[in-house]
Amino acid sequence: MATSAIGPGFLTQTAVFTDRLRTSFAFAILVSILVDLAVQVNVWCVLGVARKRGQEVANTLVPGLGVVLALLVAPGGLVFNVGNVAGCGLGLAAAFGVPVWLGATLSAAFAAVLLARPAAGQKVDSFAKVLGGVMILLTATVMLATGPDYGAALRASVWPDRVEMLPILTIVGGTVGGYISFSGAHRLLDSGVGGVGSLPTLRRAAGLGILVAGVMRVLLFLAVLGVVSRAGALDPANPAASAFRLGAGEWGYRLFGLILWSAAITSVVGCTYTSLTFFRGSSSRFAWATSRRGPYFFVGVSLAVFLFLQNPVRLLILAGSLNGLILPLTLAVVLLAARRRDLMGEYRHPSLLAMAGWVAFLVSVYAGVISVLELRSL
């Protein structure tokens, strides 16, 4: 879940909003982590206790709703995967000077083969853990090199100079929007984790996923903050890359390439895996999606769109808007399902947790409205 959330968009958004808000962005990060936690714990606990994937829970509530959910989540994931594949190419280009198209093609092929292999789940788990650790260590190295004002950032996390809603809404959608909120829950279910007895594991795993994504966000924020405090504004064409280059010179730019590739390739894997799980248990016409051909098709289409368009910015904006609209639906499904005895058995979902989920629902509705308004202005 964490490495699915930490993709090219994650890096760019954090750099842009740090450049814009400076230390005040710490407040947006803190609020977003709390909202993300409310979403993830609700989703993972309900799906885990019910032992059903998101689309199966939706079908139990309203017959056919699961198909609608799958047809919303999977295309949104596919569009985002175009940006993830592009990030792979850009990362290898920055780190090693590989042509972008070649880096994207090699990375896409690697991801598809990894996912299509027998017992792919365990390999994906290990792959995500290793590269997640690499991203955090490399970003921490650059943060130490840039020397941000830690005290000012800590104060601003609870007493900011300015507060803007859009950064909070954007990074919430980027961390738990669309397919991402289901990624860890579906992976746990596929691993055999579920039922009331697994609640401690589900809660701990959800919290750990948000913690890892939050730590990466904080480290990246501090690294960029140290740069903009000394060097001024970032290059708007590639704000994250310019932050690393300004902060740590040429070696920092090479490190950025490795971080970007790690973020992008793990997002390709997570996005592909989770999007395809939404077709499990569906009719036979979607059997190809859950076979070994599924990853090749999903990643192959993402690569083909990137190679054709080269600059998928508009598609990524469209996907962001779609995910902003999907999150309220998925949250509502989960929170309503938590009250169904036929799904949850004797389990009683905690009232405070459900209340936190409904607050996150209202925030996500507002996020969807903002996304649609921004899309209309393009």
Protein backbone atom coordinates (compact mmCIF):
# COMPACT_ATOMS: atom_id res chain seq x y z
CA MET A 1 0.00 0.00 0.00
CA ALA A 2 2.75 2.44 0.99
CA THR A 3 4.90 1.84 -2.08
CA SER A 4 1.79 2.02 -4.30
CA ALA A 5 1.08 5.47 -2.86
CA ILE A 6 4.68 6.69 -3.24
CA GLY A 7 4.82 7.22 -6.99
CA PRO A 8 5.93 9.98 -9.39
CA GLY A 9 2.88 12.07 -8.47
CA PHE A 10 3.71 11.73 -4.76
CA LEU A 11 7.21 13.14 -5.35
CA THR A 12 6.02 15.99 -7.56
CA GLN A 13 3.11 17.03 -5.32
CA THR A 14 5.30 17.11 -2.22
CA ALA A 15 7.94 19.25 -3.95
CA VAL A 16 5.40 21.67 -5.43
CA PHE A 17 3.47 22.23 -2.20
CA THR A 18 6.66 22.56 -0.13
CA ASP A 19 7.88 25.22 -2.54
CA ARG A 20 4.54 27.00 -2.24
CA LEU A 21 3.79 26.72 1.48
CA ARG A 22 7.29 26.24 2.96
CA THR A 23 7.07 25.17 6.63
CA SER A 24 3.25 25.44 6.64
CA PHE A 25 3.07 22.34 4.46
CA ALA A 26 3.94 20.37 7.62
CA PHE A 27 0.40 21.07 8.89
CA ALA A 28 -1.12 19.71 5.67
CA ILE A 29 0.98 16.55 6.00
CA LEU A 30 -0.11 15.99 9.61
CA VAL A 31 -3.82 16.45 8.79
CA SER A 32 -3.58 14.21 5.73
CA ILE A 33 -1.93 11.42 7.73
CA LEU A 34 -4.82 11.48 10.22
CA VAL A 35 -7.41 11.34 7.42
CA ASP A 36 -5.47 8.59 5.62
CA LEU A 37 -5.35 6.55 8.81
CA ALA A 38 -9.13 6.85 9.30
CA VAL A 39 -9.73 5.65 5.74
CA GLN A 40 -7.28 2.77 5.80
CA VAL A 41 -8.20 1.28 9.18
CA ASN A 42 -11.92 1.34 8.30
CA VAL A 43 -11.40 -0.23 4.86
CA TRP A 44 -8.95 -2.90 5.97
CA CYS A 45 -10.89 -3.93 9.09
CA VAL A 46 -14.24 -4.24 7.31
CA LEU A 47 -12.85 -6.11 4.29
CA GLY A 48 -10.66 -8.27 6.51
CA VAL A 49 -13.44 -9.30 8.92
CA ALA A 50 -15.84 -9.93 6.03
CA ARG A 51 -13.10 -11.84 4.14
CA LYS A 52 -14.26 -10.16 0.95
CA ARG A 53 -12.61 -7.85 -1.56
CA GLY A 54 -14.01 -4.39 -2.23
CA GLN A 55 -16.12 -5.38 -5.22
CA GLU A 56 -17.52 -8.41 -3.37
CA VAL A 57 -18.59 -6.26 -0.41
CA ALA A 58 -20.21 -3.79 -2.82
CA ASN A 59 -22.11 -6.60 -4.59
CA THR A 60 -23.45 -7.81 -1.23
CA LEU A 61 -24.81 -4.33 -0.48
CA VAL A 62 -26.32 -3.74 -3.91
CA PRO A 63 -26.19 -6.44 -6.63
CA GLY A 64 -24.11 -5.14 -9.53
CA LEU A 65 -22.44 -2.36 -7.51
CA GLY A 66 -19.22 -4.37 -7.38
CA VAL A 67 -19.04 -4.42 -11.18
CA VAL A 68 -19.50 -0.65 -11.23
CA LEU A 69 -16.73 -0.27 -8.64
CA ALA A 70 -14.38 -2.51 -10.63
CA LEU A 71 -15.08 -0.59 -13.84
CA LEU A 72 -14.23 2.65 -12.04
CA VAL A 73 -11.14 1.52 -10.14
CA ALA A 74 -9.41 -0.49 -12.87
CA PRO A 75 -9.49 2.18 -15.64
CA GLY A 76 -8.41 4.83 -13.11
CA GLY A 77 -5.51 2.58 -12.14
CA LEU A 78 -4.65 2.02 -15.79
CA VAL A 79 -4.41 5.75 -16.47
CA PHE A 80 -2.26 6.27 -13.38
CA ASN A 81 -0.04 3.43 -14.54
CA VAL A 82 0.81 5.45 -17.63
CA GLY A 83 2.41 8.04 -15.35
CA ASN A 84 4.10 5.32 -13.31
CA VAL A 85 5.66 3.80 -16.44
CA ALA A 86 6.77 7.27 -17.52
CA GLY A 87 8.36 7.76 -14.09
CA CYS A 88 10.36 4.55 -14.55
CA GLY A 89 11.81 5.87 -17.79
CA LEU A 90 12.57 9.30 -16.34
CA GLY A 91 14.18 7.75 -13.27
CA LEU A 92 16.59 5.57 -15.23
CA ALA A 93 17.35 8.51 -17.52
CA ALA A 94 18.32 10.68 -14.54
CA ALA A 95 20.31 7.96 -12.77
CA PHE A 96 22.13 6.33 -15.68
CA GLY A 97 21.45 8.37 -18.82
CA VAL A 98 19.26 5.63 -20.36
CA PRO A 99 16.83 6.91 -23.06
CA VAL A 100 13.44 7.48 -21.46
CA TRP A 101 11.55 5.18 -23.85
CA LEU A 102 14.04 2.36 -23.28
CA GLY A 103 13.99 2.75 -19.50
CA ALA A 104 10.18 2.71 -19.51
CA THR A 105 10.06 -0.39 -21.74
CA LEU A 106 12.59 -2.38 -19.70
CA SER A 107 10.88 -1.45 -16.42
CA ALA A 108 7.42 -2.36 -17.74
CA ALA A 109 8.68 -5.73 -18.95
CA PHE A 110 10.30 -6.41 -15.56
CA ALA A 111 7.11 -5.53 -13.66
CA ALA A 112 4.90 -7.69 -15.90
CA VAL A 113 7.21 -10.72 -15.61
CA LEU A 114 7.42 -10.30 -11.82
CA LEU A 115 3.63 -10.23 -11.47
CA ALA A 116 2.98 -13.09 -13.89
CA ARG A 117 5.35 -15.55 -12.21
CA PRO A 118 3.99 -18.35 -9.99
CA ALA A 119 3.74 -17.36 -6.31
CA ALA A 120 4.09 -13.74 -7.42
CA GLY A 121 2.56 -12.44 -4.19
CA GLN A 122 5.56 -13.26 -2.02
CA LYS A 123 7.98 -11.88 -4.62
CA VAL A 124 5.96 -8.65 -4.82
CA ASP A 125 6.02 -8.35 -1.02
CA SER A 126 9.81 -8.69 -0.86
CA PHE A 127 10.33 -6.38 -3.83
CA ALA A 128 8.16 -3.64 -2.28
CA LYS A 129 9.90 -3.91 1.10
CA VAL A 130 13.40 -3.64 -0.34
CA LEU A 131 12.68 -0.70 -2.64
CA GLY A 132 10.59 1.03 0.03
CA GLY A 133 13.62 0.91 2.32
CA VAL A 134 15.89 2.17 -0.48
CA MET A 135 13.62 5.17 -1.11
CA ILE A 136 13.52 6.14 2.56
CA LEU A 137 17.31 5.82 3.06
CA LEU A 138 18.19 7.77 -0.08
CA THR A 139 15.71 10.55 0.71
CA ALA A 140 16.99 10.77 4.29
CA THR A 141 20.53 11.14 2.92
CA VAL A 142 19.52 14.12 0.78
CA MET A 143 17.52 15.62 3.67
CA LEU A 144 20.65 15.60 5.86
CA ALA A 145 22.62 17.22 3.06
CA THR A 146 20.14 20.10 2.65
CA GLY A 147 19.96 20.97 6.37
CA PRO A 148 16.33 22.15 6.77
CA ASP A 149 15.07 24.09 9.81
CA TYR A 150 13.62 21.17 11.76
CA GLY A 151 12.33 23.33 14.62
CA ALA A 152 10.37 25.65 12.32
CA ALA A 153 8.84 22.67 10.52
CA LEU A 154 7.80 21.06 13.81
CA ARG A 155 6.15 24.28 15.05
CA ALA A 156 4.32 24.77 11.75
CA SER A 157 2.87 21.26 11.92
CA VAL A 158 0.54 22.47 14.73
CA TRP A 159 0.69 26.27 14.23
CA PRO A 160 1.10 27.05 10.51
CA ASP A 161 1.45 30.52 9.03
CA ARG A 162 -1.15 29.69 6.39
CA VAL A 163 -3.60 26.88 5.76
CA GLU A 164 -4.80 25.77 2.33
CA MET A 165 -7.28 22.96 1.76
CA LEU A 166 -6.18 21.96 -1.75
CA PRO A 167 -2.78 20.52 -0.70
CA ILE A 168 -4.48 18.46 2.03
CA LEU A 169 -7.11 17.15 -0.37
CA THR A 170 -4.55 16.42 -3.08
CA ILE A 171 -2.20 14.37 -0.94
CA VAL A 172 -5.08 12.50 0.73
CA GLY A 173 -6.32 11.45 -2.70
CA GLY A 174 -2.79 10.49 -3.71
CA THR A 175 -2.29 8.29 -0.64
CA VAL A 176 -5.64 6.53 -0.22
CA GLY A 177 -7.57 7.43 -3.38
CA GLY A 178 -8.81 5.02 -6.03
CA TYR A 179 -7.22 1.59 -5.97
CA ILE A 180 -4.64 2.45 -3.27
CA SER A 181 -7.00 2.15 -0.29
CA PHE A 182 -7.70 -1.48 -1.33
CA SER A 183 -4.17 -2.53 -2.26
CA GLY A 184 -2.97 -3.72 1.15
CA ALA A 185 -6.35 -5.18 2.17
CA HIS A 186 -6.59 -7.27 -1.00
CA ARG A 187 -2.99 -8.43 -0.60
CA LEU A 188 -3.67 -9.54 2.99
CA LEU A 189 -6.81 -11.41 1.92
CA ASP A 190 -4.85 -13.16 -0.83
CA SER A 191 -2.32 -14.15 1.86
CA GLY A 192 -5.03 -15.78 3.96
CA VAL A 193 -5.29 -13.03 6.58
CA GLY A 194 -8.91 -12.37 7.57
CA GLY A 195 -11.65 -12.87 10.14
CA VAL A 196 -12.27 -11.30 13.53
CA GLY A 197 -9.19 -12.98 14.98
CA SER A 198 -7.01 -11.08 12.48
CA LEU A 199 -8.18 -7.62 13.60
CA PRO A 200 -4.92 -6.80 15.47
CA THR A 201 -2.94 -7.73 12.35
CA LEU A 202 -5.24 -5.70 10.09
CA ARG A 203 -5.06 -2.60 12.28
CA ARG A 204 -1.31 -2.86 12.71
CA ALA A 205 -0.75 -3.37 8.97
CA ALA A 206 -2.98 -0.41 8.05
CA GLY A 207 -1.18 1.82 10.54
CA LEU A 208 2.23 0.67 9.32
CA GLY A 209 1.33 1.35 5.69
CA ILE A 210 0.27 4.92 6.49
CA LEU A 211 3.35 5.36 8.71
CA VAL A 212 5.74 4.34 5.93
CA ALA A 213 4.06 6.65 3.41
CA GLY A 214 4.00 9.43 6.03
CA VAL A 215 7.70 9.03 6.88
CA MET A 216 8.60 9.23 3.20
CA ARG A 217 6.43 12.34 2.82
CA VAL A 218 8.06 14.02 5.83
CA LEU A 219 11.61 13.20 4.70
CA LEU A 220 10.93 14.47 1.20
CA PHE A 221 9.26 17.61 2.59
CA LEU A 222 12.27 18.36 4.80
CA ALA A 223 14.74 17.70 1.97
CA VAL A 224 12.90 20.13 -0.33
CA LEU A 225 12.38 22.65 2.48
CA GLY A 226 16.13 22.84 3.05
CA VAL A 227 16.63 23.60 -0.63
CA VAL A 228 13.94 26.27 -1.08
CA SER A 229 14.98 27.99 2.16
CA ARG A 230 18.46 28.54 0.71
CA ALA A 231 18.16 28.46 -3.07
CA GLY A 232 14.68 29.94 -3.62
CA ALA A 233 12.06 28.61 -6.02
CA LEU A 234 12.32 25.26 -7.79
CA ASP A 235 12.24 24.62 -11.51
CA PRO A 236 8.50 24.34 -12.31
CA ALA A 237 9.25 21.96 -15.19
CA ASN A 238 10.58 19.30 -12.78
CA PRO A 239 10.37 20.57 -9.19
CA ALA A 240 11.36 17.33 -7.42
CA ALA A 241 14.44 16.76 -9.60
CA SER A 242 15.56 20.38 -9.27
CA ALA A 243 15.25 20.16 -5.48
CA PHE A 244 17.64 17.22 -5.33
CA ARG A 245 20.09 18.84 -7.77
CA LEU A 246 20.10 22.17 -5.94
CA GLY A 247 20.37 20.45 -2.57
CA ALA A 248 23.08 17.91 -3.27
CA GLY A 249 24.56 18.67 -6.68
CA GLU A 250 24.98 16.13 -9.45
CA TRP A 251 25.11 13.16 -7.09
CA GLY A 252 21.82 14.33 -5.58
CA TYR A 253 20.28 14.34 -9.05
CA ARG A 254 21.50 10.78 -9.63
CA LEU A 255 20.00 9.75 -6.29
CA PHE A 256 16.75 11.37 -7.34
CA GLY A 257 16.75 9.17 -10.43
CA LEU A 258 17.05 6.05 -8.25
CA ILE A 259 14.30 7.29 -5.91
CA LEU A 260 12.02 8.12 -8.83
CA TRP A 261 12.58 4.72 -10.44
CA SER A 262 11.98 2.93 -7.13
CA ALA A 263 8.80 4.93 -6.53
CA ALA A 264 7.54 4.39 -10.06
CA ILE A 265 8.28 0.67 -10.45
CA THR A 266 6.72 -0.23 -7.09
CA SER A 267 3.67 1.81 -8.06
CA VAL A 268 3.45 -0.05 -11.39
CA VAL A 269 3.50 -3.35 -9.50
CA GLY A 270 1.03 -2.24 -6.81
CA CYS A 271 -1.35 -0.58 -9.25
CA THR A 272 -1.38 -3.55 -11.63
CA TYR A 273 -1.81 -6.12 -8.86
CA THR A 274 -4.66 -4.27 -7.12
CA SER A 275 -6.52 -3.25 -10.28
CA LEU A 276 -6.59 -6.85 -11.50
CA THR A 277 -7.85 -8.17 -8.14
CA PHE A 278 -11.09 -6.27 -8.79
CA PHE A 279 -11.92 -8.79 -11.50
CA ARG A 280 -11.54 -11.85 -9.28
CA GLY A 281 -14.83 -13.60 -8.69
CA SER A 282 -16.34 -11.84 -11.72
CA SER A 283 -17.90 -13.54 -14.73
CA SER A 284 -15.88 -15.71 -17.10
CA ARG A 285 -15.48 -12.86 -19.61
CA PHE A 286 -12.97 -11.27 -17.21
CA ALA A 287 -11.04 -14.50 -16.60
CA TRP A 288 -8.10 -13.20 -18.64
CA ALA A 289 -7.58 -10.42 -16.06
CA THR A 290 -6.88 -12.89 -13.26
CA SER A 291 -4.73 -15.23 -15.37
CA ARG A 292 -1.02 -14.84 -16.08
CA ARG A 293 -1.96 -12.80 -19.15
CA GLY A 294 -3.52 -10.05 -17.02
CA PRO A 295 -0.30 -8.28 -15.92
CA TYR A 296 1.13 -8.38 -19.46
CA PHE A 297 -2.02 -6.78 -20.85
CA PHE A 298 -2.38 -4.15 -18.12
CA VAL A 299 1.27 -3.08 -18.10
CA GLY A 300 1.55 -3.40 -21.88
CA VAL A 301 -1.37 -1.03 -22.50
CA SER A 302 0.11 1.46 -19.99
CA LEU A 303 3.45 1.37 -21.81
CA ALA A 304 1.83 1.70 -25.25
CA VAL A 305 -0.15 4.78 -24.18
CA PHE A 306 2.99 6.40 -22.74
CA LEU A 307 5.07 5.70 -25.85
CA PHE A 308 2.28 7.12 -28.03
CA LEU A 309 1.63 10.27 -25.96
CA GLN A 310 5.09 10.78 -24.41
CA ASN A 311 3.60 13.44 -22.12
CA PRO A 312 0.63 11.95 -20.21
CA VAL A 313 -0.02 15.02 -18.02
CA ARG A 314 -3.66 15.46 -19.08
CA LEU A 315 -4.35 11.78 -18.52
CA LEU A 316 -2.87 11.99 -15.04
CA ILE A 317 -5.06 14.98 -14.20
CA LEU A 318 -8.10 13.05 -15.44
CA ALA A 319 -7.09 10.06 -13.33
CA GLY A 320 -6.69 12.28 -10.27
CA SER A 321 -10.19 13.61 -10.75
CA LEU A 322 -11.56 10.09 -11.21
CA ASN A 323 -9.89 8.87 -8.03
CA GLY A 324 -11.22 11.89 -6.17
CA LEU A 325 -14.70 10.75 -7.15
CA ILE A 326 -14.10 7.04 -6.44
CA LEU A 327 -12.94 7.49 -2.82
CA PRO A 328 -16.35 8.68 -1.46
CA LEU A 329 -18.06 5.70 -3.12
CA THR A 330 -15.58 3.16 -1.74
CA LEU A 331 -15.69 4.69 1.75
CA ALA A 332 -19.48 4.76 1.80
CA VAL A 333 -19.63 1.12 0.70
CA VAL A 334 -17.24 0.10 3.47
CA LEU A 335 -18.93 2.12 6.22
CA LEU A 336 -22.40 0.88 5.29
CA ALA A 337 -21.12 -2.69 5.08
CA ALA A 338 -19.73 -2.37 8.62
CA ARG A 339 -23.34 -2.35 9.89
CA ARG A 340 -24.44 -5.47 8.00
CA ARG A 341 -24.76 -8.58 10.17
CA ASP A 342 -24.70 -10.89 7.13
CA LEU A 343 -21.23 -9.55 6.29
CA MET A 344 -19.71 -8.87 9.70
CA GLY A 345 -21.28 -11.62 11.82
CA GLU A 346 -20.98 -10.84 15.54
CA TYR A 347 -18.34 -8.17 14.97
CA ARG A 348 -19.34 -4.63 16.00
CA HIS A 349 -17.42 -1.90 14.24
CA PRO A 350 -16.26 0.72 16.80
CA SER A 351 -18.41 3.88 16.72
CA LEU A 352 -15.42 6.24 16.98
CA LEU A 353 -13.70 4.51 14.06
CA ALA A 354 -16.88 4.71 11.98
CA MET A 355 -17.26 8.40 12.88
CA ALA A 356 -13.67 9.08 11.78
CA GLY A 357 -14.49 7.28 8.54
CA TRP A 358 -17.53 9.48 7.87
CA VAL A 359 -15.44 12.61 8.50
CA ALA A 360 -12.94 11.31 5.95
CA PHE A 361 -15.91 10.65 3.62
CA LEU A 362 -16.96 14.32 3.80
CA VAL A 363 -13.38 15.41 3.12
CA SER A 364 -13.19 13.06 0.13
CA VAL A 365 -16.49 14.40 -1.27
CA TYR A 366 -15.05 17.91 -1.13
CA ALA A 367 -11.88 16.58 -2.80
CA GLY A 368 -13.95 15.18 -5.65
CA VAL A 369 -15.76 18.48 -6.17
CA ILE A 370 -12.45 20.36 -6.24
CA SER A 371 -11.05 17.86 -8.76
CA VAL A 372 -14.01 18.27 -11.11
CA LEU A 373 -13.82 22.08 -10.93
CA GLU A 374 -10.10 22.01 -11.70
CA LEU A 375 -10.65 19.63 -14.62
CA ARG A 376 -13.25 21.99 -16.11
CA SER A 377 -10.75 24.85 -15.97
CA LEU A 378 -8.12 23.03 -18.08
